[in-house]
Amino acid sequence: MRGWPQHWWEWRHVIAPLAQRYRVICPDIRGLGWSEGSDDGYSFERLARDLVQLLDRLEVDRARVVGRDWGLVVGYRACLNWPEWFDQFVALAGVHPWTIDGVRPAVFTKPWHSYALAALGRSSALQTALTKRSLRAWRHQGRFSDAEAAVYLSRMRTPSAHAATIDFNRNVLLHEVPHFARHYRMMRLRVPTLHLNGACDPLAEGVPDSYRDYADDMRLERIPDCGHFVPEERPQWLAERLLTFLDGGTKRCG
């Protein structure tokens, strides 16, 4: 699953290697890419339920899920709520559900764009400016060409993406952060999980290792010379790491 401000196309360099061994499905999150939006439904639980319902509709009994950015939070919530659906989970470019345990304040001040979008996101000019900035500032390895950026910007200008961006960020600040602050001690992750953050990702700096007390089988690794857009900055590295982990099946990842 993909991340803001992108869509399924961010996985284009990784799909072919994975498809040699697995059936690959790259859904867009509701409201983003080519997925229809809605007036509500941007809680982590509702988005995670979208994923489970999609698998059910496709008659997939169990799956391995890989999620980046927004896809990361959807994946964590899905694995916490419905672990029976998932064999393995790979989280990319973000915080884990227990980050508040041992966190440094900078982890919550770095994503200042979320506060701006939640408060002022109705401004289409602001959304466009922040979208352009994120594609430029959060990438460490290489850069997006004008044509590549246009592929993402064109879908971010749709009314559904505009509304989804506002609602998602407001939900994060008003509901999700307070919810996890109150309940993180009661959340136990049963699904074998690999969490990968770029070593140069400004949104993932300082994520603590506190997950060790709350997960049966999880490992946090940092990707050298990589920013926020892992599938496009380090596609070959990512494909190889994914295959190594996924092919390991139920073996412990650390």
Protein backbone atom coordinates (compact mmCIF):
# COMPACT_ATOMS: atom_id res chain seq x y z
CA MET A 1 0.00 0.00 0.00
CA ARG A 2 1.23 3.42 -0.94
CA GLY A 3 1.86 6.70 0.81
CA TRP A 4 0.93 10.38 0.53
CA PRO A 5 1.23 12.20 -1.85
CA GLN A 6 1.56 9.26 -4.22
CA HIS A 7 -0.33 6.26 -5.58
CA TRP A 8 0.36 2.71 -6.75
CA TRP A 9 2.89 3.92 -9.37
CA GLU A 10 5.50 4.44 -6.65
CA TRP A 11 5.94 0.62 -6.63
CA ARG A 12 6.64 0.36 -10.38
CA HIS A 13 10.32 -0.61 -9.93
CA VAL A 14 9.58 -3.25 -7.30
CA ILE A 15 6.52 -4.99 -8.75
CA ALA A 16 8.31 -7.10 -11.37
CA PRO A 17 10.85 -8.74 -9.00
CA LEU A 18 8.13 -9.51 -6.45
CA ALA A 19 5.71 -10.79 -9.10
CA GLN A 20 8.17 -13.52 -10.07
CA ARG A 21 7.34 -15.24 -6.77
CA TYR A 22 4.12 -13.69 -5.48
CA ARG A 23 0.78 -12.39 -6.63
CA VAL A 24 1.17 -8.62 -6.28
CA ILE A 25 -1.80 -6.30 -5.61
CA CYS A 26 -1.17 -2.53 -5.34
CA PRO A 27 -4.36 -0.85 -4.07
CA ASP A 28 -4.71 2.90 -3.69
CA ILE A 29 -5.99 4.15 -0.34
CA ARG A 30 -9.50 5.59 -0.50
CA GLY A 31 -9.51 9.07 -1.99
CA LEU A 32 -5.96 8.90 -3.33
CA GLY A 33 -4.75 7.80 -6.73
CA TRP A 34 -7.70 6.33 -8.61
CA SER A 35 -9.60 5.17 -5.55
CA GLU A 36 -12.95 6.79 -4.83
CA GLY A 37 -13.15 9.08 -1.84
CA SER A 38 -15.83 9.37 0.82
CA ASP A 39 -17.24 11.92 3.23
CA ASP A 40 -15.67 10.07 6.17
CA GLY A 41 -13.86 6.83 6.86
CA TYR A 42 -10.31 8.12 7.28
CA SER A 43 -9.66 6.59 10.67
CA PHE A 44 -6.85 4.02 10.76
CA GLU A 45 -9.38 1.33 11.61
CA ARG A 46 -11.68 2.19 8.69
CA LEU A 47 -8.79 2.25 6.23
CA ALA A 48 -7.52 -1.06 7.61
CA ARG A 49 -11.00 -2.52 7.21
CA ASP A 50 -10.89 -1.39 3.55
CA LEU A 51 -7.81 -3.58 3.13
CA VAL A 52 -9.37 -6.62 4.75
CA GLN A 53 -12.59 -6.19 2.77
CA LEU A 54 -10.58 -5.91 -0.45
CA LEU A 55 -8.81 -9.19 0.32
CA ASP A 56 -12.14 -10.80 1.08
CA ARG A 57 -13.62 -9.53 -2.19
CA LEU A 58 -10.62 -10.93 -4.08
CA GLU A 59 -11.03 -14.25 -2.22
CA VAL A 60 -7.56 -13.98 -0.69
CA ASP A 61 -7.59 -15.89 2.60
CA ARG A 62 -4.17 -14.77 3.84
CA ALA A 63 -1.69 -12.21 2.59
CA ARG A 64 1.66 -10.57 3.13
CA VAL A 65 1.26 -6.80 3.31
CA VAL A 66 3.78 -4.06 2.54
CA GLY A 67 2.83 -0.47 3.37
CA ARG A 68 4.63 2.87 3.18
CA ASP A 69 3.66 6.13 4.91
CA TRP A 70 -0.18 6.08 5.01
CA GLY A 71 0.09 2.45 3.96
CA LEU A 72 2.28 1.82 7.01
CA VAL A 73 -0.37 2.97 9.49
CA VAL A 74 -3.05 1.01 7.63
CA GLY A 75 -0.87 -2.10 7.73
CA TYR A 76 -0.15 -1.81 11.44
CA ARG A 77 -3.82 -1.33 12.29
CA ALA A 78 -4.87 -4.24 10.07
CA CYS A 79 -2.28 -6.58 11.63
CA LEU A 80 -3.22 -5.51 15.16
CA ASN A 81 -6.96 -5.92 14.56
CA TRP A 82 -7.04 -8.91 12.21
CA PRO A 83 -3.76 -10.87 12.54
CA GLU A 84 -5.44 -14.00 11.18
CA TRP A 85 -5.42 -12.40 7.71
CA PHE A 86 -1.68 -11.76 7.50
CA ASP A 87 1.42 -13.96 7.37
CA GLN A 88 3.93 -11.09 7.37
CA PHE A 89 4.05 -7.30 7.35
CA VAL A 90 6.67 -4.88 6.05
CA ALA A 91 6.32 -1.26 7.22
CA LEU A 92 8.17 1.49 5.37
CA ALA A 93 8.95 5.12 6.19
CA GLY A 94 7.23 6.07 9.39
CA VAL A 95 6.65 5.55 13.10
CA HIS A 96 5.37 2.40 14.79
CA PRO A 97 2.37 2.25 17.17
CA TRP A 98 4.57 2.34 20.31
CA THR A 99 6.66 5.34 19.31
CA ILE A 100 5.33 7.41 22.19
CA ASP A 101 7.17 5.04 24.57
CA GLY A 102 10.67 6.52 24.68
CA VAL A 103 10.11 9.05 21.92
CA ARG A 104 11.98 12.32 21.54
CA PRO A 105 9.84 15.44 20.90
CA ALA A 106 11.39 15.96 17.47
CA VAL A 107 9.55 12.90 16.14
CA PHE A 108 6.28 14.78 16.54
CA THR A 109 7.53 18.16 15.34
CA LYS A 110 9.17 16.93 12.12
CA PRO A 111 5.84 16.23 10.33
CA TRP A 112 4.76 19.87 10.63
CA HIS A 113 2.99 19.55 7.29
CA SER A 114 0.33 17.41 9.01
CA TYR A 115 -0.54 20.28 11.35
CA ALA A 116 -0.69 22.72 8.43
CA LEU A 117 -2.89 20.43 6.33
CA ALA A 118 -5.21 19.69 9.24
CA ALA A 119 -5.69 23.38 10.00
CA LEU A 120 -5.41 25.02 6.59
CA GLY A 121 -5.82 22.17 4.12
CA ARG A 122 -8.92 23.63 2.48
CA SER A 123 -6.57 25.91 0.61
CA SER A 124 -5.85 24.13 -2.66
CA ALA A 125 -2.82 26.37 -3.16
CA LEU A 126 -1.38 25.25 0.19
CA GLN A 127 -2.01 21.57 -0.58
CA THR A 128 -0.30 21.88 -3.95
CA ALA A 129 2.65 23.75 -2.44
CA LEU A 130 3.11 21.16 0.32
CA THR A 131 2.78 18.30 -2.17
CA LYS A 132 5.53 19.77 -4.34
CA ARG A 133 7.70 20.44 -1.32
CA SER A 134 7.31 16.92 0.04
CA LEU A 135 8.38 15.35 -3.25
CA ARG A 136 11.46 17.57 -3.24
CA ALA A 137 12.44 17.74 0.45
CA TRP A 138 11.74 14.20 1.63
CA ARG A 139 13.78 12.50 -1.08
CA HIS A 140 17.47 11.94 -0.37
CA GLN A 141 18.68 9.63 -3.16
CA GLY A 142 18.13 11.14 -6.64
CA ARG A 143 15.21 13.39 -7.51
CA PHE A 144 11.81 13.20 -9.16
CA SER A 145 11.85 14.41 -12.73
CA ASP A 146 9.22 16.95 -13.76
CA ALA A 147 7.34 14.16 -15.56
CA GLU A 148 7.40 11.88 -12.50
CA ALA A 149 6.25 14.67 -10.20
CA ALA A 150 3.43 15.49 -12.61
CA VAL A 151 2.15 11.90 -12.38
CA TYR A 152 1.61 12.38 -8.66
CA LEU A 153 0.53 16.02 -8.71
CA SER A 154 -2.20 15.35 -11.27
CA ARG A 155 -3.96 12.91 -8.95
CA MET A 156 -3.40 15.02 -5.84
CA ARG A 157 -5.36 17.86 -7.44
CA THR A 158 -8.58 15.81 -7.59
CA PRO A 159 -11.42 16.72 -5.17
CA SER A 160 -11.27 13.27 -3.56
CA ALA A 161 -7.53 13.52 -2.85
CA HIS A 162 -7.98 17.06 -1.57
CA ALA A 163 -10.67 15.97 0.90
CA ALA A 164 -8.83 12.79 1.91
CA THR A 165 -5.69 14.76 2.76
CA ILE A 166 -7.59 17.08 5.10
CA ASP A 167 -9.63 14.35 6.79
CA PHE A 168 -6.72 11.96 7.26
CA ASN A 169 -4.47 14.54 8.89
CA ARG A 170 -7.23 15.90 11.12
CA ASN A 171 -8.05 12.39 12.24
CA VAL A 172 -4.39 11.69 13.04
CA LEU A 173 -4.04 14.75 15.26
CA LEU A 174 -7.48 14.77 16.89
CA HIS A 175 -8.08 11.05 17.35
CA GLU A 176 -5.24 8.67 16.47
CA VAL A 177 -2.41 10.27 18.44
CA PRO A 178 -4.54 10.58 21.62
CA HIS A 179 -5.83 7.02 21.13
CA PHE A 180 -2.36 5.50 20.84
CA ALA A 181 -1.10 7.61 23.75
CA ARG A 182 -3.80 6.09 25.96
CA HIS A 183 -3.81 2.51 24.71
CA TYR A 184 -0.40 1.59 23.26
CA ARG A 185 0.46 -0.60 26.27
CA MET A 186 -2.49 -2.87 25.44
CA MET A 187 -1.53 -3.37 21.78
CA ARG A 188 0.28 -6.62 20.99
CA LEU A 189 1.56 -7.31 17.48
CA ARG A 190 1.42 -11.02 16.60
CA VAL A 191 2.28 -10.79 12.89
CA PRO A 192 6.00 -11.15 11.98
CA THR A 193 7.03 -7.62 11.01
CA LEU A 194 9.98 -5.88 9.38
CA HIS A 195 10.01 -2.08 9.74
CA LEU A 196 12.31 -0.22 7.34
CA ASN A 197 13.12 3.49 7.60
CA GLY A 198 15.49 5.47 5.41
CA ALA A 199 18.49 6.63 7.42
CA CYS A 200 18.01 10.09 5.86
CA ASP A 201 14.21 10.21 6.10
CA PRO A 202 13.27 13.48 7.88
CA LEU A 203 9.94 11.97 9.00
CA ALA A 204 11.43 8.86 10.63
CA GLU A 205 14.37 10.29 12.54
CA GLY A 206 14.50 9.20 16.18
CA VAL A 207 11.91 6.40 16.07
CA PRO A 208 12.69 4.37 19.23
CA ASP A 209 13.14 0.62 19.70
CA SER A 210 10.30 0.45 22.22
CA TYR A 211 8.40 -1.94 19.93
CA ARG A 212 10.46 -4.77 21.46
CA ASP A 213 8.13 -4.90 24.47
CA TYR A 214 4.97 -5.10 22.38
CA ALA A 215 5.70 -7.33 19.37
CA ASP A 216 6.23 -11.08 19.16
CA ASP A 217 8.50 -10.94 16.13
CA MET A 218 9.60 -7.57 14.83
CA ARG A 219 12.75 -5.82 13.68
CA LEU A 220 13.48 -2.17 12.88
CA GLU A 221 16.17 -1.51 10.28
CA ARG A 222 17.50 1.72 8.79
CA ILE A 223 18.26 1.87 5.07
CA PRO A 224 21.58 3.58 4.28
CA ASP A 225 21.58 6.60 1.95
CA CYS A 226 17.80 6.70 1.65
CA GLY A 227 15.04 9.20 2.38
CA HIS A 228 11.26 8.85 2.59
CA PHE A 229 10.53 7.43 -0.87
CA VAL A 230 12.14 4.01 -0.45
CA PRO A 231 10.64 2.18 -3.49
CA GLU A 232 11.99 4.87 -5.84
CA GLU A 233 15.22 5.78 -4.08
CA ARG A 234 16.49 2.25 -3.40
CA PRO A 235 14.30 -0.09 -5.50
CA GLN A 236 16.83 -2.87 -6.06
CA TRP A 237 17.87 -2.90 -2.41
CA LEU A 238 14.23 -2.92 -1.33
CA ALA A 239 13.21 -5.73 -3.69
CA GLU A 240 16.06 -7.91 -2.44
CA ARG A 241 15.30 -7.17 1.23
CA LEU A 242 11.59 -7.84 0.74
CA LEU A 243 12.23 -11.17 -0.97
CA THR A 244 14.68 -12.25 1.73
CA PHE A 245 12.16 -11.45 4.47
CA LEU A 246 9.05 -12.73 2.72
CA ASP A 247 10.72 -15.94 1.58
CA GLY A 248 11.66 -16.56 5.19
CA GLY A 249 8.04 -17.41 5.89
CA THR A 250 7.41 -17.84 9.58
CA LYS A 251 11.10 -17.72 10.53
CA ARG A 252 11.87 -15.05 13.09
CA CYS A 253 13.18 -11.79 11.68
CA GLY A 254 14.99 -10.70 14.82
